[in-house]
Amino acid sequence: MNIPFIMNEVESKIISFKDKKVILDNDVAALNGVETKRINEAVKNNQDKFPEGYLLNLSSEEWFDMKSKISTSFGPGGKVKPPVAFTEKGLYMLATILKSSKATETTLAIVEAFAKLRSLTTTFSELNQTADPKKQKKLINRSGEIISDLLDDQLQISDTETTIELNFAVVKLKHTIKRK
């Protein structure tokens, strides 16, 4: 399972709609290795699993306005019917319904990625609240480890060292991996 690759794929499909981060049904289908109609059938057959806030339905006008912003085809072969937009909650619920091996792999990668992101957020929060230099160093190292996991879970360590340096608004992280 290549979490960074799948995470990058997922991130590239996330769009903003009605002040929410969503993924459109055709992109959800592509990520899960199924046809869009299978996604929509799964939702239709399990409506009780998608309460308000799990899905957003686009009107024809909203869809027309959105098409040009996301480079979707207008002509023959392009999506005509307004799509369903899945929120994060909707994606998790959909994962309980889909049964393909690709859907399982994608769901596992998404869950792992979100867990690592939450861990990173917690570490940043702790780092911001501590004044102890030893604890700060430990938290910075932990942040670097999480970031390297997010960037590449199969990072190859060679005879030389690998340095990952990221600058965030409030903190600069530098994580060096050395061969033992």
Protein backbone atom coordinates (compact mmCIF):
# COMPACT_ATOMS: atom_id res chain seq x y z
CA MET A 1 0.00 0.00 0.00
CA ASN A 2 1.49 3.32 -1.05
CA ILE A 3 -0.20 5.86 1.20
CA PRO A 4 1.65 8.94 -0.12
CA PHE A 5 0.72 8.09 -3.72
CA ILE A 6 -2.94 7.48 -2.88
CA MET A 7 -2.98 10.53 -0.60
CA ASN A 8 -1.67 12.68 -3.46
CA GLU A 9 -4.32 11.22 -5.74
CA VAL A 10 -7.04 11.95 -3.18
CA GLU A 11 -5.76 15.47 -2.50
CA SER A 12 -5.79 16.28 -6.22
CA LYS A 13 -9.50 15.38 -6.36
CA ILE A 14 -10.61 17.47 -3.39
CA ILE A 15 -12.50 20.62 -4.33
CA SER A 16 -14.35 23.29 -2.35
CA PHE A 17 -18.10 23.44 -2.74
CA LYS A 18 -20.46 25.34 -0.44
CA ASP A 19 -17.58 25.95 1.98
CA LYS A 20 -16.90 22.21 2.31
CA LYS A 21 -14.11 20.02 1.02
CA VAL A 22 -15.65 17.37 -1.23
CA ILE A 23 -14.80 14.82 -3.90
CA LEU A 24 -17.17 14.39 -6.85
CA ASP A 25 -18.73 11.00 -7.55
CA ASN A 26 -16.75 10.38 -10.74
CA ASP A 27 -13.48 11.06 -8.91
CA VAL A 28 -14.57 8.83 -6.02
CA ALA A 29 -15.27 6.10 -8.57
CA ALA A 30 -11.83 6.51 -10.18
CA LEU A 31 -10.07 6.38 -6.79
CA ASN A 32 -11.94 3.22 -5.89
CA GLY A 33 -11.54 1.50 -9.25
CA VAL A 34 -15.26 1.28 -10.03
CA GLU A 35 -17.68 2.94 -12.45
CA THR A 36 -19.46 6.12 -11.36
CA LYS A 37 -22.83 4.43 -11.76
CA ARG A 38 -21.75 1.83 -9.17
CA ILE A 39 -20.99 4.61 -6.68
CA ASN A 40 -24.38 6.21 -7.28
CA GLU A 41 -26.15 2.83 -7.08
CA ALA A 42 -24.46 2.14 -3.73
CA VAL A 43 -25.72 5.48 -2.41
CA LYS A 44 -29.23 4.96 -3.80
CA ASN A 45 -29.44 1.46 -2.28
CA ASN A 46 -28.19 2.66 1.12
CA GLN A 47 -29.81 6.08 1.53
CA ASP A 48 -30.15 5.61 5.29
CA LYS A 49 -26.34 5.54 5.57
CA PHE A 50 -25.98 9.02 4.06
CA PRO A 51 -27.73 11.54 6.32
CA GLU A 52 -27.56 15.26 5.72
CA GLY A 53 -24.00 16.51 5.47
CA TYR A 54 -22.58 13.29 4.03
CA LEU A 55 -23.46 14.11 0.42
CA LEU A 56 -24.10 17.35 -1.43
CA ASN A 57 -26.17 17.42 -4.59
CA LEU A 58 -25.18 20.00 -7.18
CA SER A 59 -27.88 21.78 -9.16
CA SER A 60 -27.52 21.92 -12.95
CA GLU A 61 -26.51 25.57 -12.67
CA GLU A 62 -23.87 24.86 -9.97
CA TRP A 63 -22.51 22.01 -12.09
CA PHE A 64 -22.32 24.18 -15.20
CA ASP A 65 -20.43 26.87 -13.26
CA MET A 66 -18.09 24.30 -11.74
CA LYS A 67 -17.21 22.49 -14.97
CA SER A 68 -14.94 25.21 -16.28
CA LYS A 69 -13.16 25.52 -12.93
CA ILE A 70 -12.24 21.83 -12.75
CA SER A 71 -11.49 21.21 -16.43
CA THR A 72 -14.37 18.85 -17.04
CA SER A 73 -15.49 18.20 -20.59
CA PHE A 74 -18.61 20.00 -21.80
CA GLY A 75 -18.96 18.15 -25.08
CA PRO A 76 -19.97 14.64 -26.03
CA GLY A 77 -18.59 12.15 -23.57
CA GLY A 78 -18.36 14.75 -20.81
CA LYS A 79 -20.41 14.45 -17.63
CA VAL A 80 -23.82 16.04 -18.23
CA LYS A 81 -25.81 15.05 -15.15
CA PRO A 82 -24.85 17.03 -12.03
CA PRO A 83 -22.62 14.88 -9.81
CA VAL A 84 -22.97 13.99 -6.18
CA ALA A 85 -20.28 15.51 -3.97
CA PHE A 86 -19.00 13.37 -1.07
CA THR A 87 -17.85 15.01 2.15
CA GLU A 88 -15.24 13.27 4.31
CA LYS A 89 -18.05 11.63 6.32
CA GLY A 90 -19.70 10.46 3.10
CA LEU A 91 -16.44 8.93 1.90
CA TYR A 92 -16.06 6.98 5.13
CA MET A 93 -19.63 5.73 4.92
CA LEU A 94 -19.18 4.77 1.27
CA ALA A 95 -16.15 2.73 2.31
CA THR A 96 -18.43 0.53 4.42
CA ILE A 97 -20.46 -0.31 1.32
CA LEU A 98 -17.93 -0.79 -1.49
CA LYS A 99 -16.41 -4.26 -1.69
CA SER A 100 -13.69 -4.09 -4.37
CA SER A 101 -10.07 -4.71 -3.39
CA LYS A 102 -9.13 -1.29 -4.78
CA ALA A 103 -11.83 0.33 -2.62
CA THR A 104 -10.46 -1.44 0.43
CA GLU A 105 -6.88 -0.37 -0.36
CA THR A 106 -7.96 3.23 -0.96
CA THR A 107 -9.98 3.34 2.26
CA LEU A 108 -7.11 1.92 4.31
CA ALA A 109 -4.72 4.47 2.84
CA ILE A 110 -7.12 7.33 3.55
CA VAL A 111 -7.67 6.20 7.15
CA GLU A 112 -3.91 5.79 7.72
CA ALA A 113 -3.17 9.16 6.17
CA PHE A 114 -5.79 10.95 8.27
CA ALA A 115 -4.47 9.23 11.42
CA LYS A 116 -0.94 10.42 10.64
CA LEU A 117 -2.19 13.94 9.91
CA ARG A 118 -4.05 14.03 13.23
CA SER A 119 -0.91 12.82 15.00
CA LEU A 120 1.10 15.56 13.29
CA THR A 121 -1.49 18.16 14.34
CA THR A 122 -1.30 16.95 17.94
CA THR A 123 2.49 17.06 17.86
CA PHE A 124 2.47 20.62 16.48
CA SER A 125 0.01 21.65 19.18
CA GLU A 126 2.21 20.17 21.91
CA LEU A 127 5.27 21.81 20.38
CA ASN A 128 3.52 25.18 20.46
CA GLN A 129 2.60 24.74 24.14
CA THR A 130 5.93 23.60 25.59
CA ALA A 131 8.90 25.72 26.58
CA ASP A 132 11.14 22.79 27.56
CA PRO A 133 13.95 22.57 24.95
CA LYS A 134 14.37 18.80 25.40
CA LYS A 135 10.68 18.16 24.87
CA GLN A 136 10.66 20.53 21.90
CA LYS A 137 13.53 18.61 20.28
CA LYS A 138 11.72 15.31 20.88
CA LEU A 139 8.50 16.72 19.36
CA ILE A 140 10.37 18.13 16.36
CA ASN A 141 11.96 14.72 15.76
CA ARG A 142 8.55 13.06 16.06
CA SER A 143 7.09 15.57 13.59
CA GLY A 144 9.88 14.80 11.15
CA GLU A 145 9.22 11.08 11.43
CA ILE A 146 5.50 11.56 10.76
CA ILE A 147 6.20 13.85 7.81
CA SER A 148 8.66 11.39 6.29
CA ASP A 149 6.01 8.66 6.69
CA LEU A 150 3.46 10.86 4.94
CA LEU A 151 5.82 11.77 2.13
CA ASP A 152 7.09 8.25 1.51
CA ASP A 153 6.30 5.26 3.68
CA GLN A 154 8.99 3.23 1.94
CA LEU A 155 11.78 5.79 2.19
CA GLN A 156 15.05 4.14 1.20
CA ILE A 157 17.94 4.96 3.48
CA SER A 158 21.35 4.88 1.80
CA ASP A 159 24.92 5.29 2.99
CA THR A 160 24.37 9.01 2.89
CA GLU A 161 21.83 10.93 4.87
CA THR A 162 18.45 12.07 3.68
CA THR A 163 17.14 15.42 4.85
CA ILE A 164 13.54 16.54 4.67
CA GLU A 165 12.98 20.20 5.42
CA LEU A 166 9.54 21.79 5.56
CA ASN A 167 8.66 25.35 6.44
CA PHE A 168 5.28 25.96 8.00
CA ALA A 169 3.88 29.30 9.07
CA VAL A 170 4.94 28.88 12.70
CA VAL A 171 7.56 26.17 12.66
CA LYS A 172 10.40 24.94 10.49
CA LEU A 173 11.04 21.21 10.57
CA LYS A 174 14.23 19.52 9.48
CA HIS A 175 14.45 15.76 9.74
CA THR A 176 17.64 13.92 8.83
CA ILE A 177 17.71 10.17 8.37
CA LYS A 178 21.16 8.59 8.73
CA ARG A 179 22.18 5.05 8.05
CA LYS A 180 23.01 3.19 11.24
